[in-house]
Amino acid sequence: ADNLYCYWIMYRTHDLYCRWRIHLFRKSTNS
């Protein structure tokens, strides 16, 4: 159900469904 729901969101927005993203490496900070 989660898969179908998220596909529906992507279908409606025509965009990837990015709820969160953690950058592991950044030049300005190590955290």
PDB file of all heavy atoms in Angstrom:
ATOM      1  N   ALA A   1       0.828  -1.201   0.000  1.00  0.00           N
ATOM      2  CA  ALA A   1       0.000   0.000   0.000  1.00  0.00           C
ATOM      3  C   ALA A   1       0.866   1.255   0.000  1.00  0.00           C
ATOM      4  O   ALA A   1       0.564   2.238  -0.697  1.00  0.00           O
ATOM      5  CB  ALA A   1      -0.932  -0.003   1.215  1.00  0.00           C
ATOM      6  N   ASP A   2       1.945   1.230   0.766  1.00  0.00           N
ATOM      7  CA  ASP A   2       2.861   2.370   0.795  1.00  0.00           C
ATOM      8  C   ASP A   2       3.473   2.591  -0.583  1.00  0.00           C
ATOM      9  O   ASP A   2       3.587   3.728  -1.049  1.00  0.00           O
ATOM     10  CB  ASP A   2       3.957   2.120   1.825  1.00  0.00           C
ATOM     11  CG  ASP A   2       4.987   3.234   1.862  1.00  0.00           C
ATOM     12  OD1 ASP A   2       4.633   4.363   2.276  1.00  0.00           O
ATOM     13  OD2 ASP A   2       6.151   2.991   1.464  1.00  0.00           O
ATOM     14  N   ASN A   3       3.843   1.510  -1.253  1.00  0.00           N
ATOM     15  CA  ASN A   3       4.417   1.608  -2.587  1.00  0.00           C
ATOM     16  C   ASN A   3       3.431   2.238  -3.572  1.00  0.00           C
ATOM     17  O   ASN A   3       3.787   3.147  -4.342  1.00  0.00           O
ATOM     18  CB  ASN A   3       4.840   0.220  -3.069  1.00  0.00           C
ATOM     19  CG  ASN A   3       5.556   0.251  -4.394  1.00  0.00           C
ATOM     20  OD1 ASN A   3       4.943   0.079  -5.442  1.00  0.00           O
ATOM     21  ND2 ASN A   3       6.858   0.460  -4.379  1.00  0.00           N
ATOM     22  N   LEU A   4       2.184   1.775  -3.544  1.00  0.00           N
ATOM     23  CA  LEU A   4       1.168   2.313  -4.443  1.00  0.00           C
ATOM     24  C   LEU A   4       0.868   3.771  -4.130  1.00  0.00           C
ATOM     25  O   LEU A   4       0.696   4.601  -5.043  1.00  0.00           O
ATOM     26  CB  LEU A   4      -0.108   1.480  -4.343  1.00  0.00           C
ATOM     27  CG  LEU A   4      -0.023   0.043  -4.869  1.00  0.00           C
ATOM     28  CD1 LEU A   4      -1.305  -0.715  -4.569  1.00  0.00           C
ATOM     29  CD2 LEU A   4       0.255   0.048  -6.368  1.00  0.00           C
ATOM     30  N   TYR A   5       0.793   4.099  -2.835  1.00  0.00           N
ATOM     31  CA  TYR A   5       0.509   5.480  -2.434  1.00  0.00           C
ATOM     32  C   TYR A   5       1.611   6.428  -2.899  1.00  0.00           C
ATOM     33  O   TYR A   5       1.332   7.513  -3.439  1.00  0.00           O
ATOM     34  CB  TYR A   5       0.359   5.557  -0.917  1.00  0.00           C
ATOM     35  CG  TYR A   5       0.247   6.963  -0.386  1.00  0.00           C
ATOM     36  CD1 TYR A   5      -0.913   7.719  -0.589  1.00  0.00           C
ATOM     37  CD2 TYR A   5       1.294   7.556   0.323  1.00  0.00           C
ATOM     38  CE1 TYR A   5      -1.023   9.012  -0.110  1.00  0.00           C
ATOM     39  CE2 TYR A   5       1.197   8.849   0.806  1.00  0.00           C
ATOM     40  CZ  TYR A   5       0.035   9.571   0.585  1.00  0.00           C
ATOM     41  OH  TYR A   5      -0.064  10.859   1.059  1.00  0.00           O
ATOM     42  N   CYS A   6       2.863   6.027  -2.714  1.00  0.00           N
ATOM     43  CA  CYS A   6       3.982   6.885  -3.095  1.00  0.00           C
ATOM     44  C   CYS A   6       4.075   7.015  -4.617  1.00  0.00           C
ATOM     45  O   CYS A   6       4.435   8.084  -5.135  1.00  0.00           O
ATOM     46  CB  CYS A   6       5.291   6.345  -2.513  1.00  0.00           C
ATOM     47  SG  CYS A   6       5.352   6.445  -0.710  1.00  0.00           S
ATOM     48  N   TYR A   7       3.738   5.951  -5.328  1.00  0.00           N
ATOM     49  CA  TYR A   7       3.682   6.033  -6.792  1.00  0.00           C
ATOM     50  C   TYR A   7       2.596   7.017  -7.224  1.00  0.00           C
ATOM     51  O   TYR A   7       2.757   7.759  -8.195  1.00  0.00           O
ATOM     52  CB  TYR A   7       3.425   4.656  -7.396  1.00  0.00           C
ATOM     53  CG  TYR A   7       4.565   4.161  -8.247  1.00  0.00           C
ATOM     54  CD1 TYR A   7       5.637   3.466  -7.684  1.00  0.00           C
ATOM     55  CD2 TYR A   7       4.582   4.405  -9.618  1.00  0.00           C
ATOM     56  CE1 TYR A   7       6.680   3.011  -8.471  1.00  0.00           C
ATOM     57  CE2 TYR A   7       5.634   3.950 -10.411  1.00  0.00           C
ATOM     58  CZ  TYR A   7       6.673   3.256  -9.824  1.00  0.00           C
ATOM     59  OH  TYR A   7       7.722   2.818 -10.602  1.00  0.00           O
ATOM     60  N   TRP A   8       1.479   6.997  -6.496  1.00  0.00           N
ATOM     61  CA  TRP A   8       0.391   7.925  -6.805  1.00  0.00           C
ATOM     62  C   TRP A   8       0.838   9.373  -6.591  1.00  0.00           C
ATOM     63  O   TRP A   8       0.517  10.262  -7.393  1.00  0.00           O
ATOM     64  CB  TRP A   8      -0.824   7.606  -5.945  1.00  0.00           C
ATOM     65  CG  TRP A   8      -1.941   8.615  -6.051  1.00  0.00           C
ATOM     66  CD1 TRP A   8      -2.389   9.464  -5.088  1.00  0.00           C
ATOM     67  CD2 TRP A   8      -2.756   8.866  -7.209  1.00  0.00           C
ATOM     68  NE1 TRP A   8      -3.416  10.226  -5.557  1.00  0.00           N
ATOM     69  CE2 TRP A   8      -3.669   9.894  -6.862  1.00  0.00           C
ATOM     70  CE3 TRP A   8      -2.796   8.324  -8.489  1.00  0.00           C
ATOM     71  CZ2 TRP A   8      -4.616  10.379  -7.750  1.00  0.00           C
ATOM     72  CZ3 TRP A   8      -3.740   8.832  -9.385  1.00  0.00           C
ATOM     73  CH2 TRP A   8      -4.633   9.836  -9.014  1.00  0.00           C
ATOM     74  N   ILE A   9       1.592   9.612  -5.516  1.00  0.00           N
ATOM     75  CA  ILE A   9       2.112  10.957  -5.263  1.00  0.00           C
ATOM     76  C   ILE A   9       3.031  11.389  -6.401  1.00  0.00           C
ATOM     77  O   ILE A   9       2.947  12.523  -6.905  1.00  0.00           O
ATOM     78  CB  ILE A   9       2.860  11.006  -3.911  1.00  0.00           C
ATOM     79  CG1 ILE A   9       1.881  10.838  -2.745  1.00  0.00           C
ATOM     80  CG2 ILE A   9       3.635  12.318  -3.773  1.00  0.00           C
ATOM     81  CD1 ILE A   9       2.544  10.785  -1.397  1.00  0.00           C
ATOM     82  N   MET A  10       3.917  10.492  -6.829  1.00  0.00           N
ATOM     83  CA  MET A  10       4.826  10.828  -7.921  1.00  0.00           C
ATOM     84  C   MET A  10       4.064  11.056  -9.223  1.00  0.00           C
ATOM     85  O   MET A  10       4.418  11.916 -10.035  1.00  0.00           O
ATOM     86  CB  MET A  10       5.885   9.722  -8.086  1.00  0.00           C
ATOM     87  CG  MET A  10       6.879   9.662  -6.948  1.00  0.00           C
ATOM     88  SD  MET A  10       8.261   8.513  -7.241  1.00  0.00           S
ATOM     89  CE  MET A  10       7.439   6.929  -7.027  1.00  0.00           C
ATOM     90  N   TYR A  11       2.987  10.300  -9.418  1.00  0.00           N
ATOM     91  CA  TYR A  11       2.158  10.472 -10.609  1.00  0.00           C
ATOM     92  C   TYR A  11       1.496  11.847 -10.613  1.00  0.00           C
ATOM     93  O   TYR A  11       1.428  12.516 -11.646  1.00  0.00           O
ATOM     94  CB  TYR A  11       1.107   9.369 -10.660  1.00  0.00           C
ATOM     95  CG  TYR A  11       0.082   9.545 -11.758  1.00  0.00           C
ATOM     96  CD1 TYR A  11       0.389   9.255 -13.088  1.00  0.00           C
ATOM     97  CD2 TYR A  11      -1.204  10.002 -11.459  1.00  0.00           C
ATOM     98  CE1 TYR A  11      -0.545   9.423 -14.091  1.00  0.00           C
ATOM     99  CE2 TYR A  11      -2.144  10.167 -12.454  1.00  0.00           C
ATOM    100  CZ  TYR A  11      -1.812   9.871 -13.765  1.00  0.00           C
ATOM    101  OH  TYR A  11      -2.740  10.049 -14.757  1.00  0.00           O
ATOM    102  N   ARG A  12       1.009  12.273  -9.453  1.00  0.00           N
ATOM    103  CA  ARG A  12       0.317  13.560  -9.366  1.00  0.00           C
ATOM    104  C   ARG A  12       1.271  14.736  -9.469  1.00  0.00           C
ATOM    105  O   ARG A  12       0.946  15.767 -10.044  1.00  0.00           O
ATOM    106  CB  ARG A  12      -0.475  13.653  -8.061  1.00  0.00           C
ATOM    107  CG  ARG A  12      -1.632  12.666  -7.964  1.00  0.00           C
ATOM    108  CD  ARG A  12      -2.485  12.952  -6.746  1.00  0.00           C
ATOM    109  NE  ARG A  12      -3.074  14.286  -6.804  1.00  0.00           N
ATOM    110  CZ  ARG A  12      -3.811  14.813  -5.825  1.00  0.00           C
ATOM    111  NH1 ARG A  12      -4.025  14.122  -4.716  1.00  0.00           N
ATOM    112  NH2 ARG A  12      -4.318  16.016  -5.941  1.00  0.00           N
ATOM    113  N   THR A  13       2.463  14.585  -8.882  1.00  0.00           N
ATOM    114  CA  THR A  13       3.420  15.705  -8.866  1.00  0.00           C
ATOM    115  C   THR A  13       4.395  15.666 -10.039  1.00  0.00           C
ATOM    116  O   THR A  13       5.074  16.661 -10.304  1.00  0.00           O
ATOM    117  CB  THR A  13       4.227  15.694  -7.556  1.00  0.00           C
ATOM    118  OG1 THR A  13       4.980  14.463  -7.471  1.00  0.00           O
ATOM    119  CG2 THR A  13       3.302  15.809  -6.348  1.00  0.00           C
ATOM    120  N   HIS A  14       4.462  14.525 -10.721  1.00  0.00           N
ATOM    121  CA  HIS A  14       5.446  14.318 -11.789  1.00  0.00           C
ATOM    122  C   HIS A  14       6.861  14.621 -11.290  1.00  0.00           C
ATOM    123  O   HIS A  14       7.664  15.238 -11.979  1.00  0.00           O
ATOM    124  CB  HIS A  14       5.121  15.198 -13.003  1.00  0.00           C
ATOM    125  CG  HIS A  14       3.809  14.854 -13.635  1.00  0.00           C
ATOM    126  ND1 HIS A  14       3.572  13.657 -14.280  1.00  0.00           N
ATOM    127  CD2 HIS A  14       2.641  15.556 -13.687  1.00  0.00           C
ATOM    128  CE1 HIS A  14       2.323  13.636 -14.727  1.00  0.00           C
ATOM    129  NE2 HIS A  14       1.738  14.775 -14.381  1.00  0.00           N
ATOM    130  N   ASP A  15       7.126  14.158 -10.081  1.00  0.00           N
ATOM    131  CA  ASP A  15       8.433  14.384  -9.464  1.00  0.00           C
ATOM    132  C   ASP A  15       8.722  13.247  -8.501  1.00  0.00           C
ATOM    133  O   ASP A  15       7.813  12.546  -8.042  1.00  0.00           O
ATOM    134  CB  ASP A  15       8.437  15.722  -8.719  1.00  0.00           C
ATOM    135  CG  ASP A  15       9.846  16.213  -8.418  1.00  0.00           C
ATOM    136  OD1 ASP A  15      10.809  15.562  -8.875  1.00  0.00           O
ATOM    137  OD2 ASP A  15       9.990  17.237  -7.738  1.00  0.00           O
ATOM    138  N   LEU A  16       9.997  13.060  -8.193  1.00  0.00           N
ATOM    139  CA  LEU A  16      10.381  12.048  -7.213  1.00  0.00           C
ATOM    140  C   LEU A  16       9.859  12.438  -5.840  1.00  0.00           C
ATOM    141  O   LEU A  16       9.704  13.623  -5.524  1.00  0.00           O
ATOM    142  CB  LEU A  16      11.906  11.904  -7.177  1.00  0.00           C
ATOM    143  CG  LEU A  16      12.553  11.386  -8.464  1.00  0.00           C
ATOM    144  CD1 LEU A  16      14.073  11.457  -8.355  1.00  0.00           C
ATOM    145  CD2 LEU A  16      12.113   9.961  -8.778  1.00  0.00           C
ATOM    146  N   TYR A  17       9.584  11.442  -5.009  1.00  0.00           N
ATOM    147  CA  TYR A  17       9.008  11.669  -3.689  1.00  0.00           C
ATOM    148  C   TYR A  17      10.116  11.636  -2.639  1.00  0.00           C
ATOM    149  O   TYR A  17      10.374  10.621  -2.011  1.00  0.00           O
ATOM    150  CB  TYR A  17       7.952  10.600  -3.405  1.00  0.00           C
ATOM    151  CG  TYR A  17       7.252  10.740  -2.080  1.00  0.00           C
ATOM    152  CD1 TYR A  17       6.739  11.950  -1.651  1.00  0.00           C
ATOM    153  CD2 TYR A  17       7.106   9.624  -1.256  1.00  0.00           C
ATOM    154  CE1 TYR A  17       6.084  12.060  -0.442  1.00  0.00           C
ATOM    155  CE2 TYR A  17       6.450   9.716  -0.049  1.00  0.00           C
ATOM    156  CZ  TYR A  17       5.937  10.941   0.355  1.00  0.00           C
ATOM    157  OH  TYR A  17       5.294  11.037   1.567  1.00  0.00           O
ATOM    158  N   CYS A  18      10.781  12.759  -2.457  1.00  0.00           N
ATOM    159  CA  CYS A  18      11.898  12.842  -1.509  1.00  0.00           C
ATOM    160  C   CYS A  18      11.416  13.458  -0.196  1.00  0.00           C
ATOM    161  O   CYS A  18      11.249  14.672  -0.082  1.00  0.00           O
ATOM    162  CB  CYS A  18      13.041  13.677  -2.097  1.00  0.00           C
ATOM    163  SG  CYS A  18      14.517  13.681  -1.059  1.00  0.00           S
ATOM    164  N   ARG A  19      11.173  12.615   0.800  1.00  0.00           N
ATOM    165  CA  ARG A  19      10.726  13.086   2.110  1.00  0.00           C
ATOM    166  C   ARG A  19      11.894  13.501   2.985  1.00  0.00           C
ATOM    167  O   ARG A  19      11.788  14.416   3.788  1.00  0.00           O
ATOM    168  CB  ARG A  19       9.920  11.999   2.826  1.00  0.00           C
ATOM    169  CG  ARG A  19       8.587  11.678   2.184  1.00  0.00           C
ATOM    170  CD  ARG A  19       7.779  10.750   3.065  1.00  0.00           C
ATOM    171  NE  ARG A  19       7.493  11.357   4.356  1.00  0.00           N
ATOM    172  CZ  ARG A  19       6.900  10.716   5.364  1.00  0.00           C
ATOM    173  NH1 ARG A  19       6.561   9.442   5.215  1.00  0.00           N
ATOM    174  NH2 ARG A  19       6.666  11.318   6.498  1.00  0.00           N
ATOM    175  N   TRP A  20      13.002  12.777   2.853  1.00  0.00           N
ATOM    176  CA  TRP A  20      14.187  13.132   3.641  1.00  0.00           C
ATOM    177  C   TRP A  20      15.437  12.698   2.888  1.00  0.00           C
ATOM    178  O   TRP A  20      15.408  11.793   2.069  1.00  0.00           O
ATOM    179  CB  TRP A  20      14.153  12.487   5.030  1.00  0.00           C
ATOM    180  CG  TRP A  20      14.031  10.985   5.029  1.00  0.00           C
ATOM    181  CD1 TRP A  20      12.892  10.242   5.097  1.00  0.00           C
ATOM    182  CD2 TRP A  20      15.117  10.028   4.943  1.00  0.00           C
ATOM    183  NE1 TRP A  20      13.176   8.895   5.068  1.00  0.00           N
ATOM    184  CE2 TRP A  20      14.534   8.732   4.975  1.00  0.00           C
ATOM    185  CE3 TRP A  20      16.501  10.145   4.860  1.00  0.00           C
ATOM    186  CZ2 TRP A  20      15.302   7.573   4.921  1.00  0.00           C
ATOM    187  CZ3 TRP A  20      17.261   8.977   4.791  1.00  0.00           C
ATOM    188  CH2 TRP A  20      16.668   7.718   4.834  1.00  0.00           C
ATOM    189  N   ARG A  21      16.506  13.408   3.173  1.00  0.00           N
ATOM    190  CA  ARG A  21      17.803  13.094   2.573  1.00  0.00           C
ATOM    191  C   ARG A  21      18.903  13.494   3.542  1.00  0.00           C
ATOM    192  O   ARG A  21      18.900  14.609   4.059  1.00  0.00           O
ATOM    193  CB  ARG A  21      17.977  13.814   1.238  1.00  0.00           C
ATOM    194  CG  ARG A  21      19.361  13.632   0.603  1.00  0.00           C
ATOM    195  CD  ARG A  21      19.389  14.183  -0.807  1.00  0.00           C
ATOM    196  NE  ARG A  21      18.521  13.381  -1.691  1.00  0.00           N
ATOM    197  CZ  ARG A  21      18.260  13.710  -2.945  1.00  0.00           C
ATOM    198  NH1 ARG A  21      18.753  14.824  -3.460  1.00  0.00           N
ATOM    199  NH2 ARG A  21      17.485  12.939  -3.687  1.00  0.00           N
ATOM    200  N   ILE A  22      19.818  12.592   3.800  1.00  0.00           N
ATOM    201  CA  ILE A  22      20.936  12.867   4.698  1.00  0.00           C
ATOM    202  C   ILE A  22      22.227  12.881   3.883  1.00  0.00           C
ATOM    203  O   ILE A  22      22.622  11.861   3.312  1.00  0.00           O
ATOM    204  CB  ILE A  22      21.043  11.810   5.815  1.00  0.00           C
ATOM    205  CG1 ILE A  22      19.763  11.780   6.652  1.00  0.00           C
ATOM    206  CG2 ILE A  22      22.255  12.098   6.709  1.00  0.00           C
ATOM    207  CD1 ILE A  22      19.754  10.704   7.718  1.00  0.00           C
ATOM    208  N   HIS A  23      22.855  14.046   3.809  1.00  0.00           N
ATOM    209  CA  HIS A  23      24.134  14.164   3.122  1.00  0.00           C
ATOM    210  C   HIS A  23      25.237  13.713   4.080  1.00  0.00           C
ATOM    211  O   HIS A  23      25.395  14.264   5.173  1.00  0.00           O
ATOM    212  CB  HIS A  23      24.365  15.605   2.671  1.00  0.00           C
ATOM    213  CG  HIS A  23      23.511  15.998   1.500  1.00  0.00           C
ATOM    214  ND1 HIS A  23      23.949  15.936   0.200  1.00  0.00           N
ATOM    215  CD2 HIS A  23      22.231  16.441   1.448  1.00  0.00           C
ATOM    216  CE1 HIS A  23      22.985  16.326  -0.612  1.00  0.00           C
ATOM    217  NE2 HIS A  23      21.927  16.646   0.122  1.00  0.00           N
ATOM    218  N   LEU A  24      25.978  12.728   3.666  1.00  0.00           N
ATOM    219  CA  LEU A  24      27.007  12.146   4.527  1.00  0.00           C
ATOM    220  C   LEU A  24      28.311  12.913   4.470  1.00  0.00           C
ATOM    221  O   LEU A  24      29.088  12.892   5.424  1.00  0.00           O
ATOM    222  CB  LEU A  24      27.254  10.690   4.122  1.00  0.00           C
ATOM    223  CG  LEU A  24      26.011   9.788   4.140  1.00  0.00           C
ATOM    224  CD1 LEU A  24      26.351   8.408   3.614  1.00  0.00           C
ATOM    225  CD2 LEU A  24      25.423   9.701   5.536  1.00  0.00           C
ATOM    226  N   PHE A  25      28.570  13.594   3.373  1.00  0.00           N
ATOM    227  CA  PHE A  25      29.833  14.306   3.213  1.00  0.00           C
ATOM    228  C   PHE A  25      29.549  15.704   2.677  1.00  0.00           C
ATOM    229  O   PHE A  25      28.942  15.853   1.625  1.00  0.00           O
ATOM    230  CB  PHE A  25      30.765  13.567   2.242  1.00  0.00           C
ATOM    231  CG  PHE A  25      30.933  12.117   2.574  1.00  0.00           C
ATOM    232  CD1 PHE A  25      30.282  11.139   1.838  1.00  0.00           C
ATOM    233  CD2 PHE A  25      31.723  11.728   3.643  1.00  0.00           C
ATOM    234  CE1 PHE A  25      30.421   9.803   2.138  1.00  0.00           C
ATOM    235  CE2 PHE A  25      31.874  10.377   3.953  1.00  0.00           C
ATOM    236  CZ  PHE A  25      31.225   9.424   3.212  1.00  0.00           C
ATOM    237  N   ARG A  26      29.986  16.709   3.402  1.00  0.00           N
ATOM    238  CA  ARG A  26      29.859  18.093   2.965  1.00  0.00           C
ATOM    239  C   ARG A  26      31.179  18.810   3.222  1.00  0.00           C
ATOM    240  O   ARG A  26      31.872  18.544   4.199  1.00  0.00           O
ATOM    241  CB  ARG A  26      28.730  18.820   3.703  1.00  0.00           C
ATOM    242  CG  ARG A  26      27.340  18.340   3.304  1.00  0.00           C
ATOM    243  CD  ARG A  26      26.261  19.021   4.122  1.00  0.00           C
ATOM    244  NE  ARG A  26      26.260  20.451   3.913  1.00  0.00           N
ATOM    245  CZ  ARG A  26      25.612  21.061   2.924  1.00  0.00           C
ATOM    246  NH1 ARG A  26      24.923  20.337   2.051  1.00  0.00           N
ATOM    247  NH2 ARG A  26      25.635  22.363   2.798  1.00  0.00           N
ATOM    248  N   LYS A  27      31.511  19.749   2.350  1.00  0.00           N
ATOM    249  CA  LYS A  27      32.772  20.469   2.483  1.00  0.00           C
ATOM    250  C   LYS A  27      32.798  21.363   3.711  1.00  0.00           C
ATOM    251  O   LYS A  27      33.816  21.554   4.340  1.00  0.00           O
ATOM    252  CB  LYS A  27      33.033  21.315   1.234  1.00  0.00           C
ATOM    253  CG  LYS A  27      33.298  20.493  -0.020  1.00  0.00           C
ATOM    254  CD  LYS A  27      33.576  21.397  -1.203  1.00  0.00           C
ATOM    255  CE  LYS A  27      33.841  20.580  -2.465  1.00  0.00           C
ATOM    256  NZ  LYS A  27      34.109  21.440  -3.635  1.00  0.00           N
ATOM    257  N   SER A  28      31.639  21.901   4.071  1.00  0.00           N
ATOM    258  CA  SER A  28      31.609  22.902   5.135  1.00  0.00           C
ATOM    259  C   SER A  28      31.512  22.273   6.513  1.00  0.00           C
ATOM    260  O   SER A  28      31.782  22.916   7.517  1.00  0.00           O
ATOM    261  CB  SER A  28      30.422  23.850   4.925  1.00  0.00           C
ATOM    262  OG  SER A  28      29.206  23.113   4.919  1.00  0.00           O
ATOM    263  N   THR A  29      31.107  21.016   6.611  1.00  0.00           N
ATOM    264  CA  THR A  29      30.955  20.398   7.916  1.00  0.00           C
ATOM    265  C   THR A  29      31.133  18.902   7.790  1.00  0.00           C
ATOM    266  O   THR A  29      30.908  18.329   6.737  1.00  0.00           O
ATOM    267  CB  THR A  29      29.557  20.695   8.519  1.00  0.00           C
ATOM    268  OG1 THR A  29      29.437  20.009   9.766  1.00  0.00           O
ATOM    269  CG2 THR A  29      28.442  20.226   7.580  1.00  0.00           C
ATOM    270  N   ASN A  30      31.554  18.283   8.864  1.00  0.00           N
ATOM    271  CA  ASN A  30      31.753  16.842   8.858  1.00  0.00           C
ATOM    272  C   ASN A  30      30.525  16.093   9.361  1.00  0.00           C
ATOM    273  O   ASN A  30      30.495  14.872   9.378  1.00  0.00           O
ATOM    274  CB  ASN A  30      32.954  16.458   9.748  1.00  0.00           C
ATOM    275  CG  ASN A  30      34.263  16.951   9.148  1.00  0.00           C
ATOM    276  OD1 ASN A  30      34.423  16.966   7.945  1.00  0.00           O
ATOM    277  ND2 ASN A  30      35.179  17.362  10.010  1.00  0.00           N
ATOM    278  N   SER A  31      29.520  16.851   9.836  1.00  0.00           N
ATOM    279  CA  SER A  31      28.337  16.202  10.400  1.00  0.00           C
ATOM    280  C   SER A  31      27.268  16.032   9.345  1.00  0.00           C
ATOM    281  O   SER A  31      27.140  16.860   8.430  1.00  0.00           O
ATOM    282  CB  SER A  31      27.778  17.038  11.570  1.00  0.00           C
ATOM    283  OG  SER A  31      27.435  18.333  11.098  1.00  0.00           O
TER     284      SER A  31
END
